[in-house]
Amino acid sequence: MVKNKNYCVDDLPQYSPWPARLLGLEKWEPKLKTPQEVTREFEGEKWGRLLQRAEEAHNPLTVEDIDEWIFPDNPNLLCSVKNRLELLSYREAHKKYITLVERVIKKYLPASALIELGSGYGSVIIPLGRKICFNNLPILAGEYTASGTKLLQILSRNEKKQIRCGRCDFNVPGFIDFEIPRGGIIFTSFSACYLTNMTDEFIESFRSLKPKMVINIEPCYEHFNHDTLMDMMRKRYIELNGYNRNLISILKKFEDDNEIEILEELPAVFGINPILPASIIAWKMI
């Protein structure tokens, strides 16, 4: 491992199977992100298995313990950090990501609450809850899967953190089945991208929750072009996997109609998977 090397796209095949898959050089079967596929992937395979292992553990677990279970054999990841590639351990990469999310959200404080929709087992919301700037805020989390919700509740209890949890489904109007305070900061992190085709209802559902701010930290298809090989791979990766392709278009449409204001738009700022980096879009209702 050479940490200070200047990495480029030619180095990517050493650390990721995706260039070979996207070029058809390695056998791989795409699985589109339908609700059924998301349930199979997360409820059945990912969070479900982690929950079973957590319930069998003899000692109280932290969210970092679960993180280590997911990436035990990947000490070196070639990550996308703005316009460069960096070789990082998962722990280093995730720490950078949490710092990035904290820095973006705290600019828009004060707020009545901090709410993550599509929270998984809490790998983002739990570390954020430890930050001093969020200490006095109610923290809430909405998750699509029952296993992810239950695992998050176990981990937050272990940390003696009160995180109110409920179900979140971006496929239904209003998203959530639990109440959240008005005037909160709602954020998503690699979760809204599983909604392949967004409609106006996506924005209207946020409106019904009456947030102070919405911050989407998501891969954005429209932020990639055909000028570089990396961006071409990113677009093709999203197309083959059925991730969202129109978040930016929907937001721009509502901004053009003077219904929302986009306060911040930062393309492709960070990706533990460099072929699927997240952009940051912070916006509010008018």
Protein backbone atom coordinates (compact mmCIF):
# COMPACT_ATOMS: atom_id res chain seq x y z
CA MET A 1 0.00 0.00 0.00
CA VAL A 2 1.35 3.40 -1.01
CA LYS A 3 -0.65 6.12 0.74
CA ASN A 4 0.98 9.16 -0.84
CA LYS A 5 0.84 7.95 -4.44
CA ASN A 6 -1.10 10.03 -6.97
CA TYR A 7 -3.74 7.52 -8.01
CA CYS A 8 -5.66 7.71 -11.27
CA VAL A 9 -8.38 5.78 -13.05
CA ASP A 10 -5.79 3.29 -14.36
CA ASP A 11 -5.21 2.12 -10.79
CA LEU A 12 -8.88 1.40 -10.16
CA PRO A 13 -8.95 -2.23 -11.46
CA GLN A 14 -6.48 -3.19 -8.70
CA TYR A 15 -9.00 -2.19 -6.03
CA SER A 16 -12.43 -2.59 -7.62
CA PRO A 17 -14.14 -5.26 -9.76
CA TRP A 18 -16.33 -2.66 -11.44
CA PRO A 19 -14.18 -1.58 -14.40
CA ALA A 20 -13.98 -5.20 -15.58
CA ARG A 21 -17.72 -5.71 -14.98
CA LEU A 22 -18.70 -2.53 -16.81
CA LEU A 23 -16.51 -3.50 -19.77
CA GLY A 24 -17.98 -6.99 -19.91
CA LEU A 25 -14.67 -8.64 -19.03
CA GLU A 26 -16.01 -10.22 -15.83
CA LYS A 27 -19.26 -12.11 -15.53
CA TRP A 28 -21.83 -10.16 -13.56
CA GLU A 29 -25.63 -10.00 -13.51
CA PRO A 30 -27.22 -6.58 -12.87
CA LYS A 31 -29.97 -6.37 -10.25
CA LEU A 32 -32.19 -3.31 -10.69
CA LYS A 33 -33.12 -1.43 -7.52
CA THR A 34 -36.81 -2.36 -7.43
CA PRO A 35 -38.56 -2.41 -4.03
CA GLN A 36 -38.42 -6.21 -4.16
CA GLU A 37 -34.69 -6.20 -4.89
CA VAL A 38 -33.96 -3.64 -2.16
CA THR A 39 -35.90 -5.82 0.32
CA ARG A 40 -33.99 -8.92 -0.78
CA GLU A 41 -30.62 -7.16 -0.60
CA PHE A 42 -31.02 -5.38 2.73
CA GLU A 43 -33.70 -7.20 4.69
CA GLY A 44 -32.60 -10.64 3.62
CA GLU A 45 -28.87 -10.40 3.00
CA LYS A 46 -27.28 -7.35 4.58
CA TRP A 47 -29.06 -5.91 7.60
CA GLY A 48 -30.90 -9.16 8.33
CA ARG A 49 -27.68 -11.13 8.68
CA LEU A 50 -26.04 -8.39 10.72
CA LEU A 51 -29.02 -8.31 13.07
CA GLN A 52 -28.86 -12.06 13.61
CA ARG A 53 -25.15 -11.85 14.39
CA ALA A 54 -25.71 -8.90 16.74
CA GLU A 55 -28.44 -10.73 18.63
CA GLU A 56 -26.07 -13.66 19.14
CA ALA A 57 -23.22 -11.46 20.42
CA HIS A 58 -22.31 -11.76 24.09
CA ASN A 59 -21.06 -8.20 24.57
CA PRO A 60 -22.72 -4.82 23.81
CA LEU A 61 -21.84 -3.74 20.28
CA THR A 62 -21.04 -0.35 18.83
CA VAL A 63 -21.83 0.84 15.32
CA GLU A 64 -18.09 0.56 14.60
CA ASP A 65 -18.25 -3.16 15.42
CA ILE A 66 -20.92 -3.60 12.76
CA ASP A 67 -18.91 -1.52 10.29
CA GLU A 68 -15.95 -3.85 10.81
CA TRP A 69 -18.14 -6.86 10.06
CA ILE A 70 -19.03 -5.38 6.68
CA PHE A 71 -15.48 -4.52 5.59
CA PRO A 72 -13.23 -7.02 7.39
CA ASP A 73 -11.20 -8.01 4.32
CA ASN A 74 -10.94 -4.61 2.66
CA PRO A 75 -8.28 -2.64 4.53
CA ASN A 76 -7.41 -0.60 1.46
CA LEU A 77 -10.09 1.10 -0.60
CA LEU A 78 -9.46 3.45 -3.50
CA CYS A 79 -11.94 6.22 -2.69
CA SER A 80 -13.11 9.27 -4.58
CA VAL A 81 -12.41 12.53 -2.70
CA LYS A 82 -13.58 15.46 -4.84
CA ASN A 83 -11.44 15.33 -7.98
CA ARG A 84 -8.83 12.84 -6.78
CA LEU A 85 -8.51 9.22 -5.73
CA GLU A 86 -7.18 8.34 -2.27
CA LEU A 87 -6.20 4.97 -0.83
CA LEU A 88 -7.91 4.65 2.57
CA SER A 89 -8.94 2.00 5.04
CA TYR A 90 -12.69 1.69 5.54
CA ARG A 91 -12.33 3.29 8.98
CA GLU A 92 -10.45 6.28 7.53
CA ALA A 93 -12.91 6.65 4.67
CA HIS A 94 -15.97 6.47 6.89
CA LYS A 95 -14.50 8.99 9.32
CA LYS A 96 -13.93 11.39 6.42
CA TYR A 97 -17.51 10.87 5.29
CA ILE A 98 -18.99 11.52 8.74
CA THR A 99 -16.90 14.70 9.02
CA LEU A 100 -18.19 15.82 5.64
CA VAL A 101 -21.83 15.21 6.60
CA GLU A 102 -21.37 16.99 9.95
CA ARG A 103 -19.76 20.01 8.28
CA VAL A 104 -22.61 20.37 5.80
CA ILE A 105 -25.45 19.93 8.30
CA LYS A 106 -24.15 22.18 11.07
CA LYS A 107 -24.05 25.17 8.71
CA TYR A 108 -27.84 25.14 8.78
CA LEU A 109 -28.31 24.98 12.56
CA PRO A 110 -30.21 25.84 14.69
CA ALA A 111 -33.04 23.42 14.01
CA SER A 112 -35.74 21.62 15.98
CA ALA A 113 -34.34 18.13 15.25
CA LEU A 114 -31.96 16.10 13.14
CA ILE A 115 -33.67 13.46 11.03
CA GLU A 116 -32.13 10.88 8.71
CA LEU A 117 -34.40 9.12 6.24
CA GLY A 118 -33.05 5.81 4.96
CA SER A 119 -30.78 5.34 7.95
CA GLY A 120 -29.88 1.66 7.62
CA TYR A 121 -28.48 0.36 10.91
CA GLY A 122 -27.30 3.83 11.93
CA SER A 123 -23.79 3.99 10.46
CA VAL A 124 -24.21 7.73 9.86
CA ILE A 125 -26.82 8.99 12.33
CA ILE A 126 -25.25 7.33 15.39
CA PRO A 127 -21.77 8.86 14.89
CA LEU A 128 -23.40 12.22 14.14
CA GLY A 129 -25.33 11.96 17.40
CA ARG A 130 -22.03 11.95 19.28
CA LYS A 131 -21.01 15.32 17.84
CA ILE A 132 -21.15 18.28 20.22
CA CYS A 133 -23.04 20.44 17.73
CA PHE A 134 -25.97 17.98 17.75
CA ASN A 135 -25.92 17.14 21.47
CA ASN A 136 -29.08 19.04 22.38
CA LEU A 137 -31.12 18.07 19.33
CA PRO A 138 -33.76 15.33 19.20
CA ILE A 139 -32.45 12.72 16.78
CA LEU A 140 -34.78 10.63 14.64
CA ALA A 141 -34.25 7.95 12.02
CA GLY A 142 -36.49 6.40 9.40
CA GLU A 143 -35.51 3.09 7.81
CA TYR A 144 -37.09 0.91 5.11
CA THR A 145 -36.27 -2.47 6.62
CA ALA A 146 -37.40 -3.94 9.91
CA SER A 147 -34.00 -5.53 10.49
CA GLY A 148 -32.16 -2.24 9.95
CA THR A 149 -34.50 -0.46 12.36
CA LYS A 150 -34.12 -3.11 15.04
CA LEU A 151 -30.32 -3.14 14.72
CA LEU A 152 -30.21 0.67 14.97
CA GLN A 153 -32.31 0.52 18.13
CA ILE A 154 -29.95 -2.03 19.68
CA LEU A 155 -26.87 0.06 18.84
CA SER A 156 -28.37 3.34 20.04
CA ARG A 157 -29.40 1.70 23.33
CA ASN A 158 -25.87 0.40 23.78
CA GLU A 159 -24.60 3.98 23.43
CA LYS A 160 -27.34 5.30 25.72
CA LYS A 161 -28.54 7.50 22.88
CA GLN A 162 -32.22 8.18 22.40
CA ILE A 163 -32.85 7.88 18.69
CA ARG A 164 -36.52 7.64 17.81
CA CYS A 165 -36.99 5.21 14.95
CA GLY A 166 -39.77 4.47 12.48
CA ARG A 167 -40.35 3.19 8.99
CA CYS A 168 -39.42 5.17 5.90
CA ASP A 169 -40.43 4.19 2.37
CA PHE A 170 -39.63 6.63 -0.44
CA ASN A 171 -42.08 4.75 -2.67
CA VAL A 172 -45.17 5.95 -0.75
CA PRO A 173 -46.54 9.49 -0.22
CA GLY A 174 -45.32 11.13 2.95
CA PHE A 175 -42.47 8.60 3.35
CA ILE A 176 -42.81 7.90 7.08
CA ASP A 177 -45.18 6.31 9.60
CA PHE A 178 -44.02 8.34 12.63
CA GLU A 179 -44.15 11.99 13.64
CA ILE A 180 -41.19 14.33 13.36
CA PRO A 181 -40.87 17.89 14.69
CA ARG A 182 -41.50 20.75 12.30
CA GLY A 183 -38.45 22.84 11.49
CA GLY A 184 -35.98 19.97 11.58
CA ILE A 185 -33.07 19.27 9.27
CA ILE A 186 -33.86 16.19 7.21
CA PHE A 187 -31.03 14.48 5.37
CA THR A 188 -30.61 11.41 3.20
CA SER A 189 -27.35 9.57 2.68
CA PHE A 190 -27.07 7.02 -0.16
CA SER A 191 -30.74 6.13 0.31
CA ALA A 192 -32.86 8.29 -2.01
CA CYS A 193 -30.72 6.96 -4.88
CA TYR A 194 -32.62 3.66 -4.57
CA LEU A 195 -35.73 5.40 -5.90
CA THR A 196 -35.09 4.84 -9.59
CA ASN A 197 -37.64 7.29 -10.92
CA MET A 198 -38.57 10.31 -8.82
CA THR A 199 -41.77 12.24 -9.44
CA ASP A 200 -43.05 15.55 -8.13
CA GLU A 201 -44.50 13.58 -5.22
CA PHE A 202 -40.98 13.12 -3.87
CA ILE A 203 -40.65 16.86 -3.20
CA GLU A 204 -44.26 17.18 -2.07
CA SER A 205 -43.65 14.48 0.54
CA PHE A 206 -40.81 16.53 2.00
CA ARG A 207 -43.11 19.56 2.00
CA SER A 208 -45.64 17.66 4.12
CA LEU A 209 -42.94 17.08 6.79
CA LYS A 210 -42.34 20.86 7.09
CA PRO A 211 -38.54 20.79 7.49
CA LYS A 212 -36.27 23.76 7.90
CA MET A 213 -33.83 22.22 5.41
CA VAL A 214 -33.44 19.12 3.30
CA ILE A 215 -29.95 17.87 2.53
CA ASN A 216 -29.55 15.08 -0.01
CA ILE A 217 -26.14 13.43 0.08
CA GLU A 218 -26.64 11.15 -2.88
CA PRO A 219 -25.06 9.97 -6.13
CA CYS A 220 -26.44 12.24 -8.86
CA TYR A 221 -26.52 10.89 -12.41
CA GLU A 222 -26.87 14.36 -13.89
CA HIS A 223 -23.61 15.50 -12.29
CA PHE A 224 -21.64 13.09 -14.48
CA ASN A 225 -20.86 13.76 -18.14
CA HIS A 226 -19.06 12.04 -21.02
CA ASP A 227 -15.88 14.12 -20.83
CA THR A 228 -13.89 11.67 -18.70
CA LEU A 229 -13.60 7.91 -18.48
CA MET A 230 -14.46 8.01 -14.77
CA ASP A 231 -17.69 9.91 -15.35
CA MET A 232 -18.63 7.58 -18.20
CA MET A 233 -18.17 4.60 -15.87
CA ARG A 234 -20.22 6.34 -13.18
CA LYS A 235 -23.13 6.94 -15.54
CA ARG A 236 -23.04 3.38 -16.81
CA TYR A 237 -22.83 1.99 -13.27
CA ILE A 238 -25.98 3.89 -12.28
CA GLU A 239 -27.80 2.78 -15.45
CA LEU A 240 -26.95 -0.91 -15.01
CA ASN A 241 -27.82 -0.97 -11.32
CA GLY A 242 -31.03 1.03 -11.65
CA TYR A 243 -30.06 3.84 -9.28
CA ASN A 244 -31.80 7.21 -9.50
CA ARG A 245 -31.21 9.37 -12.58
CA ASN A 246 -33.38 12.44 -12.08
CA LEU A 247 -32.95 13.92 -8.57
CA ILE A 248 -31.28 17.07 -9.91
CA SER A 249 -33.92 17.51 -12.63
CA ILE A 250 -36.77 17.29 -10.12
CA LEU A 251 -35.11 19.77 -7.76
CA LYS A 252 -34.32 22.22 -10.59
CA LYS A 253 -37.90 22.02 -11.82
CA PHE A 254 -39.26 22.99 -8.39
CA GLU A 255 -36.65 25.74 -8.09
CA ASP A 256 -37.65 27.13 -11.50
CA ASP A 257 -41.26 27.18 -10.26
CA ASN A 258 -40.14 29.15 -7.16
CA GLU A 259 -41.28 26.40 -4.81
CA ILE A 260 -37.87 25.56 -3.38
CA GLU A 261 -34.48 27.25 -3.13
CA ILE A 262 -31.29 25.28 -3.65
CA LEU A 263 -28.70 26.76 -1.27
CA GLU A 264 -25.81 24.42 -2.02
CA GLU A 265 -24.96 22.05 -4.85
CA LEU A 266 -21.59 20.26 -4.74
CA PRO A 267 -21.11 17.51 -7.34
CA ALA A 268 -19.37 14.19 -6.61
CA VAL A 269 -17.69 15.16 -3.34
CA PHE A 270 -17.00 11.72 -1.85
CA GLY A 271 -17.34 8.03 -2.60
CA ILE A 272 -16.04 5.02 -0.71
CA ASN A 273 -16.94 3.40 -4.01
CA PRO A 274 -15.31 5.88 -6.43
CA ILE A 275 -17.71 4.88 -9.20
CA LEU A 276 -20.66 5.95 -7.04
CA PRO A 277 -19.66 9.19 -5.27
CA ALA A 278 -22.24 11.34 -3.50
CA SER A 279 -23.08 14.91 -4.35
CA ILE A 280 -24.46 17.34 -1.79
CA ILE A 281 -27.65 19.29 -2.47
CA ALA A 282 -29.06 21.45 0.33
CA TRP A 283 -32.45 23.04 -0.29
CA LYS A 284 -35.46 24.52 1.47
CA MET A 285 -39.09 25.22 0.78
CA ILE A 286 -40.13 28.75 -0.19
